C-alpha atoms as a PDB file:
ATOM      1  CA  MET A   1      -4.997 -18.878  54.341  1.00  0.00           C
ATOM      2  CA  GLU A   2      -2.049 -21.282  54.411  1.00  0.00           C
ATOM      3  CA  ALA A   3      -2.242 -25.039  54.802  1.00  0.00           C
ATOM      4  CA  LYS A   4       0.523 -27.337  55.981  1.00  0.00           C
ATOM      5  CA  GLU A   5       1.664 -29.943  53.502  1.00  0.00           C
ATOM      6  CA  SER A   6       2.231 -32.515  56.289  1.00  0.00           C
ATOM      7  CA  ASP A   7      -1.533 -32.903  56.819  1.00  0.00           C
ATOM      8  CA  PRO A   8      -3.455 -32.457  53.563  1.00  0.00           C
ATOM      9  CA  GLU A   9      -6.762 -32.205  55.478  1.00  0.00           C
ATOM     10  CA  LEU A  10      -5.623 -28.846  56.916  1.00  0.00           C
ATOM     11  CA  ILE A  11      -6.399 -27.236  53.583  1.00  0.00           C
ATOM     12  CA  PHE A  12     -10.109 -27.595  54.351  1.00  0.00           C
ATOM     13  CA  LYS A  13      -9.692 -25.867  57.723  1.00  0.00           C
ATOM     14  CA  ALA A  14      -7.623 -23.068  56.158  1.00  0.00           C
ATOM     15  CA  ALA A  15     -10.347 -22.231  53.634  1.00  0.00           C
ATOM     16  CA  LYS A  16     -13.240 -20.148  54.936  1.00  0.00           C
ATOM     17  CA  THR A  17     -15.185 -20.253  51.662  1.00  0.00           C
ATOM     18  CA  ILE A  18     -15.281 -22.333  48.508  1.00  0.00           C
ATOM     19  CA  ALA A  19     -13.558 -19.447  46.714  1.00  0.00           C
ATOM     20  CA  ASP A  20     -10.714 -19.675  49.278  1.00  0.00           C
ATOM     21  CA  LEU A  21     -10.498 -23.421  48.704  1.00  0.00           C
ATOM     22  CA  LYS A  22     -10.235 -22.947  44.941  1.00  0.00           C
ATOM     23  CA  ILE A  23      -7.322 -20.549  45.460  1.00  0.00           C
ATOM     24  CA  LEU A  24      -5.565 -23.009  47.768  1.00  0.00           C
ATOM     25  CA  LEU A  25      -6.082 -25.837  45.256  1.00  0.00           C
ATOM     26  CA  TRP A  26      -4.919 -23.879  42.225  1.00  0.00           C
ATOM     27  CA  ASP A  27      -1.326 -25.160  42.380  1.00  0.00           C
ATOM     28  CA  GLY A  28      -2.363 -28.781  42.820  1.00  0.00           C
ATOM     29  CA  ILE A  29      -3.717 -31.055  45.487  1.00  0.00           C
ATOM     30  CA  ASP A  30      -2.660 -34.157  47.354  1.00  0.00           C
ATOM     31  CA  SER A  31      -4.297 -37.152  45.658  1.00  0.00           C
ATOM     32  CA  ARG A  32      -5.532 -38.426  49.038  1.00  0.00           C
ATOM     33  CA  ILE A  33      -7.937 -35.505  49.387  1.00  0.00           C
ATOM     34  CA  ARG A  34      -8.795 -34.871  45.726  1.00  0.00           C
ATOM     35  CA  PRO A  35     -12.198 -36.649  45.880  1.00  0.00           C
ATOM     36  CA  LYS A  36     -13.237 -34.661  48.947  1.00  0.00           C
ATOM     37  CA  ALA A  37     -12.077 -31.394  47.347  1.00  0.00           C
ATOM     38  CA  TRP A  38     -14.136 -32.075  44.214  1.00  0.00           C
ATOM     39  CA  ARG A  39     -17.241 -32.852  46.298  1.00  0.00           C
ATOM     40  CA  ILE A  40     -16.844 -29.526  48.114  1.00  0.00           C
ATOM     41  CA  ILE A  41     -16.094 -27.440  45.015  1.00  0.00           C
ATOM     42  CA  LEU A  42     -19.089 -28.941  43.213  1.00  0.00           C
ATOM     43  CA  GLN A  43     -21.136 -28.118  46.333  1.00  0.00           C
ATOM     44  CA  TYR A  44     -22.041 -31.756  46.843  1.00  0.00           C
ATOM     45  CA  THR A  45     -20.752 -31.602  50.410  1.00  0.00           C
ATOM     46  CA  PRO A  46     -20.241 -28.580  52.653  1.00  0.00           C
ATOM     47  CA  LEU A  47     -16.870 -27.065  53.457  1.00  0.00           C
ATOM     48  CA  ASN A  48     -17.788 -27.431  57.142  1.00  0.00           C
ATOM     49  CA  SER A  49     -17.646 -31.183  57.723  1.00  0.00           C
ATOM     50  CA  ALA A  50     -19.854 -31.102  60.841  1.00  0.00           C
ATOM     51  CA  ASN A  51     -23.005 -31.529  58.711  1.00  0.00           C
ATOM     52  CA  GLU A  52     -21.415 -33.696  56.025  1.00  0.00           C
ATOM     53  CA  ALA A  53     -23.003 -37.061  56.949  1.00  0.00           C
ATOM     54  CA  ALA A  54     -26.558 -35.700  57.046  1.00  0.00           C
ATOM     55  CA  ILE A  55     -26.128 -33.721  53.834  1.00  0.00           C
ATOM     56  CA  LEU A  56     -24.615 -36.713  52.011  1.00  0.00           C
ATOM     57  CA  ALA A  57     -27.486 -38.948  53.133  1.00  0.00           C
ATOM     58  CA  LYS A  58     -30.015 -36.409  51.836  1.00  0.00           C
ATOM     59  CA  LYS A  59     -28.243 -35.942  48.492  1.00  0.00           C
ATOM     60  CA  ARG A  60     -27.870 -39.698  47.969  1.00  0.00           C
ATOM     61  CA  SER A  61     -31.567 -40.134  48.639  1.00  0.00           C
ATOM     62  CA  GLU A  62     -32.376 -37.395  46.103  1.00  0.00           C
ATOM     63  CA  TYR A  63     -30.078 -39.059  43.562  1.00  0.00           C
ATOM     64  CA  ARG A  64     -31.833 -42.420  44.038  1.00  0.00           C
ATOM     65  CA  GLU A  65     -35.151 -40.693  43.332  1.00  0.00           C
ATOM     66  CA  TYR A  66     -33.764 -39.216  40.121  1.00  0.00           C
ATOM     67  CA  VAL A  67     -32.291 -42.568  39.087  1.00  0.00           C
ATOM     68  CA  LEU A  68     -35.757 -44.077  39.340  1.00  0.00           C
ATOM     69  CA  MET A  69     -36.687 -41.637  36.595  1.00  0.00           C
ATOM     70  CA  ASN A  70     -33.660 -43.076  34.702  1.00  0.00           C
ATOM     71  CA  ASN A  71     -35.253 -42.303  31.346  1.00  0.00           C
ATOM     72  CA  GLU A  72     -34.399 -38.983  29.693  1.00  0.00           C
ATOM     73  CA  GLU A  73     -37.964 -38.625  28.390  1.00  0.00           C
ATOM     74  CA  LYS A  74     -39.141 -38.456  31.991  1.00  0.00           C
ATOM     75  CA  PHE A  75     -36.833 -35.499  32.590  1.00  0.00           C
ATOM     76  CA  ILE A  76     -38.499 -33.303  30.004  1.00  0.00           C
ATOM     77  CA  HIS A  77     -41.730 -32.536  28.222  1.00  0.00           C
ATOM     78  CA  GLU A  78     -41.605 -33.084  24.472  1.00  0.00           C
ATOM     79  CA  LYS A  79     -42.096 -29.402  23.662  1.00  0.00           C
ATOM     80  CA  ASP A  80     -39.375 -28.211  26.014  1.00  0.00           C
ATOM     81  CA  THR A  81     -36.806 -27.257  23.369  1.00  0.00           C
ATOM     82  CA  MET A  82     -34.314 -25.964  25.932  1.00  0.00           C
ATOM     83  CA  ALA A  83     -34.284 -29.345  27.698  1.00  0.00           C
ATOM     84  CA  LEU A  84     -33.968 -31.142  24.359  1.00  0.00           C
ATOM     85  CA  GLU A  85     -30.984 -28.958  23.462  1.00  0.00           C
ATOM     86  CA  THR A  86     -29.418 -29.628  26.856  1.00  0.00           C
ATOM     87  CA  ILE A  87     -29.747 -33.391  26.370  1.00  0.00           C
ATOM     88  CA  LYS A  88     -28.340 -33.117  22.856  1.00  0.00           C
ATOM     89  CA  GLN A  89     -25.328 -31.159  24.131  1.00  0.00           C
ATOM     90  CA  ILE A  90     -24.733 -33.519  27.053  1.00  0.00           C
ATOM     91  CA  LYS A  91     -24.758 -36.498  24.676  1.00  0.00           C
ATOM     92  CA  LYS A  92     -22.190 -34.753  22.454  1.00  0.00           C
ATOM     93  CA  ASP A  93     -20.001 -33.936  25.436  1.00  0.00           C
ATOM     94  CA  VAL A  94     -20.178 -37.482  26.802  1.00  0.00           C
ATOM     95  CA  LYS A  95     -19.097 -38.867  23.428  1.00  0.00           C
ATOM     96  CA  ARG A  96     -16.183 -36.387  23.323  1.00  0.00           C
ATOM     97  CA  THR A  97     -14.964 -37.182  26.852  1.00  0.00           C
ATOM     98  CA  LEU A  98     -11.514 -38.765  26.528  1.00  0.00           C
ATOM     99  CA  PRO A  99     -12.324 -40.579  23.268  1.00  0.00           C
ATOM    100  CA  GLU A 100      -8.900 -42.252  23.315  1.00  0.00           C
ATOM    101  CA  SER A 101      -9.717 -44.006  26.597  1.00  0.00           C
ATOM    102  CA  HIS A 102     -11.356 -47.413  26.348  1.00  0.00           C
ATOM    103  CA  VAL A 103     -13.042 -46.756  29.704  1.00  0.00           C
ATOM    104  CA  PHE A 104     -14.898 -43.702  28.394  1.00  0.00           C
ATOM    105  CA  ARG A 105     -15.864 -45.486  25.173  1.00  0.00           C
ATOM    106  CA  ASN A 106     -17.689 -48.131  27.246  1.00  0.00           C
ATOM    107  CA  ASN A 107     -21.452 -47.809  26.726  1.00  0.00           C
ATOM    108  CA  LEU A 108     -22.267 -48.370  30.422  1.00  0.00           C
ATOM    109  CA  VAL A 109     -19.842 -45.625  31.445  1.00  0.00           C
ATOM    110  CA  GLN A 110     -21.337 -43.262  28.877  1.00  0.00           C
ATOM    111  CA  GLN A 111     -24.871 -44.043  30.048  1.00  0.00           C
ATOM    112  CA  SER A 112     -23.836 -43.395  33.671  1.00  0.00           C
ATOM    113  CA  MET A 113     -22.217 -40.095  32.725  1.00  0.00           C
ATOM    114  CA  LEU A 114     -25.301 -39.084  30.737  1.00  0.00           C
ATOM    115  CA  ARG A 115     -27.571 -39.906  33.685  1.00  0.00           C
ATOM    116  CA  MET A 116     -25.403 -38.009  36.178  1.00  0.00           C
ATOM    117  CA  LEU A 117     -25.149 -34.948  33.951  1.00  0.00           C
ATOM    118  CA  LEU A 118     -28.882 -34.935  33.225  1.00  0.00           C
ATOM    119  CA  ILE A 119     -29.625 -35.106  36.935  1.00  0.00           C
ATOM    120  CA  TYR A 120     -27.119 -32.358  37.633  1.00  0.00           C
ATOM    121  CA  SER A 121     -28.683 -30.177  34.926  1.00  0.00           C
ATOM    122  CA  ILE A 122     -32.193 -30.389  36.395  1.00  0.00           C
ATOM    123  CA  ARG A 123     -31.514 -30.277  40.127  1.00  0.00           C
END
């Protein structure tokens, strides 16, 4: 399970599973492949890139459907206390995300993060 440093993409071929990939990434990762690694680890895209385009198209379509629901009230029923607690916790976490960074204090960024995390929590 070794990957050559000369071609950072080889790390994805060396890993047979996501668990293998996590082990290979533990000591750091080339910044050129970091976005791809995160998509795989978060199971947004498959480790096997043969199906990647079709899977990405499907997931983006699903995301657009969720965005149309864009309102947190549409995600839950009023009496669903577990969902209400989840939203409350996500809002706290979004506010606490890098509070020293002006980017993360931006209301639009916080709203985007809230939306993404809500969608992730219900999918």
